[in-house]
Amino acid sequence: MNGLTAALKSKKLWGAILGSVAVVVMDQMGLPAELQLKVAALFGVQVGGQALADLGKSKAAIVAEATNGKAPAEKAAALEALK
């Protein structure tokens, strides 16, 4: 159940779902394909941007864990090892 809960809190998942629904609704309303493509691209950019943000959070967590409670010289060595 933990994986399902995490998925339901995912901004990337909701962005993909809302983008898909928006394009389907626009298609059913008969709006131009060019407009549908632009809306789909906006949602795609949002999903990609959120993926990059999540990647940055993961890297920050790894660096924090590697340097937690270490002396300055040890921190420098741990940061160098992560590069």
PDB file of N, CA and C in Angstrom:
ATOM      1  N   MET A   1       0.821  -1.198   0.000  1.00  0.00           N
ATOM      2  CA  MET A   1       0.000   0.000   0.000  1.00  0.00           C
ATOM      3  C   MET A   1       0.862   1.258   0.000  1.00  0.00           C
ATOM      4  N   ASN A   2       2.085   1.147   0.528  1.00  0.00           N
ATOM      5  CA  ASN A   2       2.968   2.311   0.598  1.00  0.00           C
ATOM      6  C   ASN A   2       3.318   2.828  -0.798  1.00  0.00           C
ATOM      7  N   GLY A   3       3.545   1.927  -1.756  1.00  0.00           N
ATOM      8  CA  GLY A   3       3.861   2.343  -3.120  1.00  0.00           C
ATOM      9  C   GLY A   3       2.697   3.057  -3.789  1.00  0.00           C
ATOM     10  N   LEU A   4       1.487   2.570  -3.520  1.00  0.00           N
ATOM     11  CA  LEU A   4       0.300   3.200  -4.085  1.00  0.00           C
ATOM     12  C   LEU A   4       0.104   4.599  -3.508  1.00  0.00           C
ATOM     13  N   THR A   5       0.322   4.733  -2.219  1.00  0.00           N
ATOM     14  CA  THR A   5       0.200   6.043  -1.567  1.00  0.00           C
ATOM     15  C   THR A   5       1.220   7.020  -2.145  1.00  0.00           C
ATOM     16  N   ALA A   6       2.441   6.546  -2.325  1.00  0.00           N
ATOM     17  CA  ALA A   6       3.482   7.409  -2.897  1.00  0.00           C
ATOM     18  C   ALA A   6       3.129   7.811  -4.327  1.00  0.00           C
ATOM     19  N   ALA A   7       2.588   6.881  -5.088  1.00  0.00           N
ATOM     20  CA  ALA A   7       2.218   7.185  -6.473  1.00  0.00           C
ATOM     21  C   ALA A   7       1.098   8.225  -6.530  1.00  0.00           C
ATOM     22  N   LEU A   8       0.153   8.118  -5.621  1.00  0.00           N
ATOM     23  CA  LEU A   8      -0.959   9.069  -5.623  1.00  0.00           C
ATOM     24  C   LEU A   8      -0.532  10.473  -5.202  1.00  0.00           C
ATOM     25  N   LYS A   9       0.615  10.575  -4.536  1.00  0.00           N
ATOM     26  CA  LYS A   9       1.141  11.883  -4.142  1.00  0.00           C
ATOM     27  C   LYS A   9       2.108  12.452  -5.177  1.00  0.00           C
ATOM     28  N   SER A  10       2.361  11.709  -6.241  1.00  0.00           N
ATOM     29  CA  SER A  10       3.343  12.096  -7.249  1.00  0.00           C
ATOM     30  C   SER A  10       2.823  13.212  -8.153  1.00  0.00           C
ATOM     31  N   LYS A  11       3.538  14.305  -8.204  1.00  0.00           N
ATOM     32  CA  LYS A  11       3.174  15.415  -9.089  1.00  0.00           C
ATOM     33  C   LYS A  11       3.319  15.008 -10.557  1.00  0.00           C
ATOM     34  N   LYS A  12       4.293  14.143 -10.837  1.00  0.00           N
ATOM     35  CA  LYS A  12       4.487  13.684 -12.211  1.00  0.00           C
ATOM     36  C   LYS A  12       3.292  12.858 -12.678  1.00  0.00           C
ATOM     37  N   LEU A  13       2.801  11.956 -11.831  1.00  0.00           N
ATOM     38  CA  LEU A  13       1.658  11.132 -12.194  1.00  0.00           C
ATOM     39  C   LEU A  13       0.427  11.996 -12.440  1.00  0.00           C
ATOM     40  N   TRP A  14       0.145  12.913 -11.529  1.00  0.00           N
ATOM     41  CA  TRP A  14      -1.036  13.765 -11.681  1.00  0.00           C
ATOM     42  C   TRP A  14      -0.909  14.683 -12.887  1.00  0.00           C
ATOM     43  N   GLY A  15       0.294  15.154 -13.169  1.00  0.00           N
ATOM     44  CA  GLY A  15       0.494  15.976 -14.364  1.00  0.00           C
ATOM     45  C   GLY A  15       0.207  15.189 -15.631  1.00  0.00           C
ATOM     46  N   ALA A  16       0.659  13.936 -15.671  1.00  0.00           N
ATOM     47  CA  ALA A  16       0.407  13.090 -16.838  1.00  0.00           C
ATOM     48  C   ALA A  16      -1.084  12.769 -16.978  1.00  0.00           C
ATOM     49  N   ILE A  17      -1.737  12.472 -15.859  1.00  0.00           N
ATOM     50  CA  ILE A  17      -3.170  12.162 -15.902  1.00  0.00           C
ATOM     51  C   ILE A  17      -3.980  13.384 -16.341  1.00  0.00           C
ATOM     52  N   LEU A  18      -3.720  14.528 -15.713  1.00  0.00           N
ATOM     53  CA  LEU A  18      -4.471  15.736 -16.067  1.00  0.00           C
ATOM     54  C   LEU A  18      -4.208  16.176 -17.503  1.00  0.00           C
ATOM     55  N   GLY A  19      -2.968  16.040 -17.940  1.00  0.00           N
ATOM     56  CA  GLY A  19      -2.648  16.388 -19.324  1.00  0.00           C
ATOM     57  C   GLY A  19      -3.383  15.500 -20.314  1.00  0.00           C
ATOM     58  N   SER A  20      -3.429  14.208 -20.018  1.00  0.00           N
ATOM     59  CA  SER A  20      -4.138  13.277 -20.896  1.00  0.00           C
ATOM     60  C   SER A  20      -5.630  13.580 -20.925  1.00  0.00           C
ATOM     61  N   VAL A  21      -6.205  13.817 -19.760  1.00  0.00           N
ATOM     62  CA  VAL A  21      -7.638  14.131 -19.690  1.00  0.00           C
ATOM     63  C   VAL A  21      -7.921  15.435 -20.445  1.00  0.00           C
ATOM     64  N   ALA A  22      -7.072  16.424 -20.264  1.00  0.00           N
ATOM     65  CA  ALA A  22      -7.280  17.707 -20.935  1.00  0.00           C
ATOM     66  C   ALA A  22      -7.273  17.541 -22.451  1.00  0.00           C
ATOM     67  N   VAL A  23      -6.338  16.760 -22.959  1.00  0.00           N
ATOM     68  CA  VAL A  23      -6.260  16.571 -24.411  1.00  0.00           C
ATOM     69  C   VAL A  23      -7.473  15.795 -24.925  1.00  0.00           C
ATOM     70  N   VAL A  24      -7.912  14.778 -24.192  1.00  0.00           N
ATOM     71  CA  VAL A  24      -9.089  14.015 -24.612  1.00  0.00           C
ATOM     72  C   VAL A  24     -10.329  14.908 -24.621  1.00  0.00           C
ATOM     73  N   VAL A  25     -10.481  15.724 -23.584  1.00  0.00           N
ATOM     74  CA  VAL A  25     -11.640  16.628 -23.528  1.00  0.00           C
ATOM     75  C   VAL A  25     -11.577  17.641 -24.666  1.00  0.00           C
ATOM     76  N   MET A  26     -10.407  18.164 -24.925  1.00  0.00           N
ATOM     77  CA  MET A  26     -10.262  19.120 -26.022  1.00  0.00           C
ATOM     78  C   MET A  26     -10.594  18.473 -27.364  1.00  0.00           C
ATOM     79  N   ASP A  27     -10.188  17.212 -27.534  1.00  0.00           N
ATOM     80  CA  ASP A  27     -10.494  16.494 -28.768  1.00  0.00           C
ATOM     81  C   ASP A  27     -11.999  16.294 -28.918  1.00  0.00           C
ATOM     82  N   GLN A  28     -12.653  15.933 -27.821  1.00  0.00           N
ATOM     83  CA  GLN A  28     -14.108  15.716 -27.861  1.00  0.00           C
ATOM     84  C   GLN A  28     -14.862  17.021 -28.135  1.00  0.00           C
ATOM     85  N   MET A  29     -14.278  18.136 -27.721  1.00  0.00           N
ATOM     86  CA  MET A  29     -14.907  19.440 -27.961  1.00  0.00           C
ATOM     87  C   MET A  29     -14.640  19.949 -29.372  1.00  0.00           C
ATOM     88  N   GLY A  30     -13.767  19.256 -30.098  1.00  0.00           N
ATOM     89  CA  GLY A  30     -13.479  19.645 -31.470  1.00  0.00           C
ATOM     90  C   GLY A  30     -12.483  20.779 -31.607  1.00  0.00           C
ATOM     91  N   LEU A  31     -11.679  21.004 -30.580  1.00  0.00           N
ATOM     92  CA  LEU A  31     -10.674  22.069 -30.652  1.00  0.00           C
ATOM     93  C   LEU A  31      -9.539  21.655 -31.596  1.00  0.00           C
ATOM     94  N   PRO A  32      -8.853  22.625 -32.175  1.00  0.00           N
ATOM     95  CA  PRO A  32      -7.805  22.311 -33.160  1.00  0.00           C
ATOM     96  C   PRO A  32      -6.685  21.441 -32.579  1.00  0.00           C
ATOM     97  N   ALA A  33      -6.144  20.591 -33.433  1.00  0.00           N
ATOM     98  CA  ALA A  33      -5.066  19.688 -33.030  1.00  0.00           C
ATOM     99  C   ALA A  33      -3.831  20.466 -32.574  1.00  0.00           C
ATOM    100  N   GLU A  34      -3.580  21.628 -33.168  1.00  0.00           N
ATOM    101  CA  GLU A  34      -2.419  22.430 -32.791  1.00  0.00           C
ATOM    102  C   GLU A  34      -2.523  22.867 -31.326  1.00  0.00           C
ATOM    103  N   LEU A  35      -3.725  23.240 -30.915  1.00  0.00           N
ATOM    104  CA  LEU A  35      -3.943  23.652 -29.531  1.00  0.00           C
ATOM    105  C   LEU A  35      -3.782  22.459 -28.584  1.00  0.00           C
ATOM    106  N   GLN A  36      -4.288  21.316 -28.984  1.00  0.00           N
ATOM    107  CA  GLN A  36      -4.146  20.109 -28.177  1.00  0.00           C
ATOM    108  C   GLN A  36      -2.669  19.761 -27.990  1.00  0.00           C
ATOM    109  N   LEU A  37      -1.903  19.891 -29.061  1.00  0.00           N
ATOM    110  CA  LEU A  37      -0.475  19.596 -29.004  1.00  0.00           C
ATOM    111  C   LEU A  37       0.249  20.556 -28.056  1.00  0.00           C
ATOM    112  N   LYS A  38      -0.127  21.818 -28.099  1.00  0.00           N
ATOM    113  CA  LYS A  38       0.500  22.807 -27.213  1.00  0.00           C
ATOM    114  C   LYS A  38       0.186  22.516 -25.746  1.00  0.00           C
ATOM    115  N   VAL A  39      -1.052  22.147 -25.462  1.00  0.00           N
ATOM    116  CA  VAL A  39      -1.429  21.820 -24.081  1.00  0.00           C
ATOM    117  C   VAL A  39      -0.694  20.560 -23.634  1.00  0.00           C
ATOM    118  N   ALA A  40      -0.627  19.563 -24.492  1.00  0.00           N
ATOM    119  CA  ALA A  40       0.092  18.331 -24.158  1.00  0.00           C
ATOM    120  C   ALA A  40       1.567  18.626 -23.904  1.00  0.00           C
ATOM    121  N   ALA A  41       2.145  19.512 -24.699  1.00  0.00           N
ATOM    122  CA  ALA A  41       3.556  19.874 -24.514  1.00  0.00           C
ATOM    123  C   ALA A  41       3.772  20.580 -23.178  1.00  0.00           C
ATOM    124  N   LEU A  42       2.843  21.441 -22.795  1.00  0.00           N
ATOM    125  CA  LEU A  42       2.968  22.122 -21.498  1.00  0.00           C
ATOM    126  C   LEU A  42       2.956  21.126 -20.345  1.00  0.00           C
ATOM    127  N   PHE A  43       2.050  20.164 -20.404  1.00  0.00           N
ATOM    128  CA  PHE A  43       2.016  19.148 -19.352  1.00  0.00           C
ATOM    129  C   PHE A  43       3.274  18.281 -19.394  1.00  0.00           C
ATOM    130  N   GLY A  44       3.779  18.005 -20.588  1.00  0.00           N
ATOM    131  CA  GLY A  44       5.021  17.240 -20.718  1.00  0.00           C
ATOM    132  C   GLY A  44       6.203  17.968 -20.107  1.00  0.00           C
ATOM    133  N   VAL A  45       6.264  19.262 -20.317  1.00  0.00           N
ATOM    134  CA  VAL A  45       7.333  20.070 -19.724  1.00  0.00           C
ATOM    135  C   VAL A  45       7.218  20.059 -18.196  1.00  0.00           C
ATOM    136  N   GLN A  46       5.992  20.126 -17.686  1.00  0.00           N
ATOM    137  CA  GLN A  46       5.780  20.086 -16.233  1.00  0.00           C
ATOM    138  C   GLN A  46       6.276  18.754 -15.664  1.00  0.00           C
ATOM    139  N   VAL A  47       5.956  17.659 -16.319  1.00  0.00           N
ATOM    140  CA  VAL A  47       6.391  16.335 -15.849  1.00  0.00           C
ATOM    141  C   VAL A  47       7.919  16.241 -15.894  1.00  0.00           C
ATOM    142  N   GLY A  48       8.515  16.706 -16.974  1.00  0.00           N
ATOM    143  CA  GLY A  48       9.977  16.679 -17.081  1.00  0.00           C
ATOM    144  C   GLY A  48      10.653  17.561 -16.045  1.00  0.00           C
ATOM    145  N   GLY A  49      10.099  18.739 -15.820  1.00  0.00           N
ATOM    146  CA  GLY A  49      10.652  19.639 -14.809  1.00  0.00           C
ATOM    147  C   GLY A  49      10.553  19.056 -13.415  1.00  0.00           C
ATOM    148  N   GLN A  50       9.447  18.401 -13.128  1.00  0.00           N
ATOM    149  CA  GLN A  50       9.288  17.763 -11.819  1.00  0.00           C
ATOM    150  C   GLN A  50      10.271  16.610 -11.666  1.00  0.00           C
ATOM    151  N   ALA A  51      10.537  15.893 -12.743  1.00  0.00           N
ATOM    152  CA  ALA A  51      11.519  14.806 -12.689  1.00  0.00           C
ATOM    153  C   ALA A  51      12.907  15.355 -12.364  1.00  0.00           C
ATOM    154  N   LEU A  52      13.264  16.472 -12.974  1.00  0.00           N
ATOM    155  CA  LEU A  52      14.562  17.091 -12.675  1.00  0.00           C
ATOM    156  C   LEU A  52      14.625  17.585 -11.229  1.00  0.00           C
ATOM    157  N   ALA A  53      13.531  18.139 -10.744  1.00  0.00           N
ATOM    158  CA  ALA A  53      13.486  18.595  -9.348  1.00  0.00           C
ATOM    159  C   ALA A  53      13.643  17.423  -8.385  1.00  0.00           C
ATOM    160  N   ASP A  54      12.989  16.317  -8.694  1.00  0.00           N
ATOM    161  CA  ASP A  54      13.113  15.129  -7.849  1.00  0.00           C
ATOM    162  C   ASP A  54      14.533  14.586  -7.873  1.00  0.00           C
ATOM    163  N   LEU A  55      15.179  14.650  -9.023  1.00  0.00           N
ATOM    164  CA  LEU A  55      16.565  14.199  -9.140  1.00  0.00           C
ATOM    165  C   LEU A  55      17.473  15.055  -8.266  1.00  0.00           C
ATOM    166  N   GLY A  56      17.245  16.362  -8.266  1.00  0.00           N
ATOM    167  CA  GLY A  56      18.033  17.261  -7.419  1.00  0.00           C
ATOM    168  C   GLY A  56      17.828  16.974  -5.942  1.00  0.00           C
ATOM    169  N   LYS A  57      16.588  16.661  -5.553  1.00  0.00           N
ATOM    170  CA  LYS A  57      16.307  16.314  -4.157  1.00  0.00           C
ATOM    171  C   LYS A  57      17.033  15.039  -3.760  1.00  0.00           C
ATOM    172  N   SER A  58      17.065  14.069  -4.672  1.00  0.00           N
ATOM    173  CA  SER A  58      17.743  12.805  -4.389  1.00  0.00           C
ATOM    174  C   SER A  58      19.236  13.028  -4.200  1.00  0.00           C
ATOM    175  N   LYS A  59      19.835  13.843  -5.058  1.00  0.00           N
ATOM    176  CA  LYS A  59      21.273  14.105  -4.944  1.00  0.00           C
ATOM    177  C   LYS A  59      21.574  14.824  -3.637  1.00  0.00           C
ATOM    178  N   ALA A  60      20.730  15.775  -3.243  1.00  0.00           N
ATOM    179  CA  ALA A  60      20.939  16.497  -1.989  1.00  0.00           C
ATOM    180  C   ALA A  60      20.854  15.549  -0.802  1.00  0.00           C
ATOM    181  N   ALA A  61      19.934  14.600  -0.853  1.00  0.00           N
ATOM    182  CA  ALA A  61      19.801  13.625   0.235  1.00  0.00           C
ATOM    183  C   ALA A  61      21.035  12.726   0.325  1.00  0.00           C
ATOM    184  N   ILE A  62      21.587  12.342  -0.823  1.00  0.00           N
ATOM    185  CA  ILE A  62      22.780  11.501  -0.842  1.00  0.00           C
ATOM    186  C   ILE A  62      23.969  12.262  -0.260  1.00  0.00           C
ATOM    187  N   VAL A  63      24.124  13.518  -0.645  1.00  0.00           N
ATOM    188  CA  VAL A  63      25.231  14.331  -0.128  1.00  0.00           C
ATOM    189  C   VAL A  63      25.078  14.539   1.373  1.00  0.00           C
ATOM    190  N   ALA A  64      23.863  14.812   1.832  1.00  0.00           N
ATOM    191  CA  ALA A  64      23.635  15.028   3.263  1.00  0.00           C
ATOM    192  C   ALA A  64      23.960  13.770   4.058  1.00  0.00           C
ATOM    193  N   GLU A  65      23.566  12.625   3.533  1.00  0.00           N
ATOM    194  CA  GLU A  65      23.839  11.362   4.227  1.00  0.00           C
ATOM    195  C   GLU A  65      25.333  11.063   4.252  1.00  0.00           C
ATOM    196  N   ALA A  66      26.031  11.368   3.164  1.00  0.00           N
ATOM    197  CA  ALA A  66      27.464  11.068   3.079  1.00  0.00           C
ATOM    198  C   ALA A  66      28.293  11.960   3.992  1.00  0.00           C
ATOM    199  N   THR A  67      27.811  13.156   4.288  1.00  0.00           N
ATOM    200  CA  THR A  67      28.607  14.104   5.077  1.00  0.00           C
ATOM    201  C   THR A  67      28.089  14.285   6.502  1.00  0.00           C
ATOM    202  N   ASN A  68      27.049  13.609   6.875  1.00  0.00           N
ATOM    203  CA  ASN A  68      26.419  13.783   8.183  1.00  0.00           C
ATOM    204  C   ASN A  68      27.354  13.380   9.323  1.00  0.00           C
ATOM    205  N   GLY A  69      27.637  14.325  10.216  1.00  0.00           N
ATOM    206  CA  GLY A  69      28.410  14.044  11.423  1.00  0.00           C
ATOM    207  C   GLY A  69      29.891  13.819  11.200  1.00  0.00           C
ATOM    208  N   LYS A  70      30.424  14.226  10.086  1.00  0.00           N
ATOM    209  CA  LYS A  70      31.841  14.000   9.795  1.00  0.00           C
ATOM    210  C   LYS A  70      32.623  15.291   9.975  1.00  0.00           C
ATOM    211  N   ALA A  71      33.895  15.123  10.258  1.00  0.00           N
ATOM    212  CA  ALA A  71      34.805  16.259  10.377  1.00  0.00           C
ATOM    213  C   ALA A  71      34.979  16.896   8.997  1.00  0.00           C
ATOM    214  N   PRO A  72      35.400  18.173   8.950  1.00  0.00           N
ATOM    215  CA  PRO A  72      35.525  18.867   7.658  1.00  0.00           C
ATOM    216  C   PRO A  72      36.387  18.126   6.636  1.00  0.00           C
ATOM    217  N   ALA A  73      37.482  17.544   7.066  1.00  0.00           N
ATOM    218  CA  ALA A  73      38.341  16.821   6.118  1.00  0.00           C
ATOM    219  C   ALA A  73      37.633  15.579   5.578  1.00  0.00           C
ATOM    220  N   GLU A  74      36.909  14.907   6.452  1.00  0.00           N
ATOM    221  CA  GLU A  74      36.163  13.721   6.013  1.00  0.00           C
ATOM    222  C   GLU A  74      35.027  14.105   5.074  1.00  0.00           C
ATOM    223  N   LYS A  75      34.383  15.248   5.340  1.00  0.00           N
ATOM    224  CA  LYS A  75      33.311  15.733   4.473  1.00  0.00           C
ATOM    225  C   LYS A  75      33.851  16.009   3.067  1.00  0.00           C
ATOM    226  N   ALA A  76      35.015  16.650   3.002  1.00  0.00           N
ATOM    227  CA  ALA A  76      35.605  16.960   1.712  1.00  0.00           C
ATOM    228  C   ALA A  76      35.922  15.676   0.935  1.00  0.00           C
ATOM    229  N   ALA A  77      36.443  14.681   1.630  1.00  0.00           N
ATOM    230  CA  ALA A  77      36.750  13.413   0.971  1.00  0.00           C
ATOM    231  C   ALA A  77      35.475  12.712   0.510  1.00  0.00           C
ATOM    232  N   ALA A  78      34.413  12.762   1.328  1.00  0.00           N
ATOM    233  CA  ALA A  78      33.163  12.133   0.953  1.00  0.00           C
ATOM    234  C   ALA A  78      32.544  12.831  -0.253  1.00  0.00           C
ATOM    235  N   LEU A  79      32.605  14.162  -0.285  1.00  0.00           N
ATOM    236  CA  LEU A  79      32.068  14.904  -1.432  1.00  0.00           C
ATOM    237  C   LEU A  79      32.864  14.622  -2.698  1.00  0.00           C
ATOM    238  N   GLU A  80      34.160  14.498  -2.561  1.00  0.00           N
ATOM    239  CA  GLU A  80      35.011  14.195  -3.717  1.00  0.00           C
ATOM    240  C   GLU A  80      34.683  12.803  -4.264  1.00  0.00           C
ATOM    241  N   ALA A  81      34.392  11.871  -3.364  1.00  0.00           N
ATOM    242  CA  ALA A  81      34.060  10.499  -3.794  1.00  0.00           C
ATOM    243  C   ALA A  81      32.735  10.455  -4.533  1.00  0.00           C
ATOM    244  N   LEU A  82      31.833  11.393  -4.267  1.00  0.00           N
ATOM    245  CA  LEU A  82      30.533  11.406  -4.916  1.00  0.00           C
ATOM    246  C   LEU A  82      30.592  11.970  -6.340  1.00  0.00           C
ATOM    247  N   LYS A  83      31.655  12.642  -6.704  1.00  0.00           N
ATOM    248  CA  LYS A  83      31.748  13.258  -8.037  1.00  0.00           C
ATOM    249  C   LYS A  83      31.962  12.248  -9.115  1.00  0.00           C
TER     250      LYS A  83
END
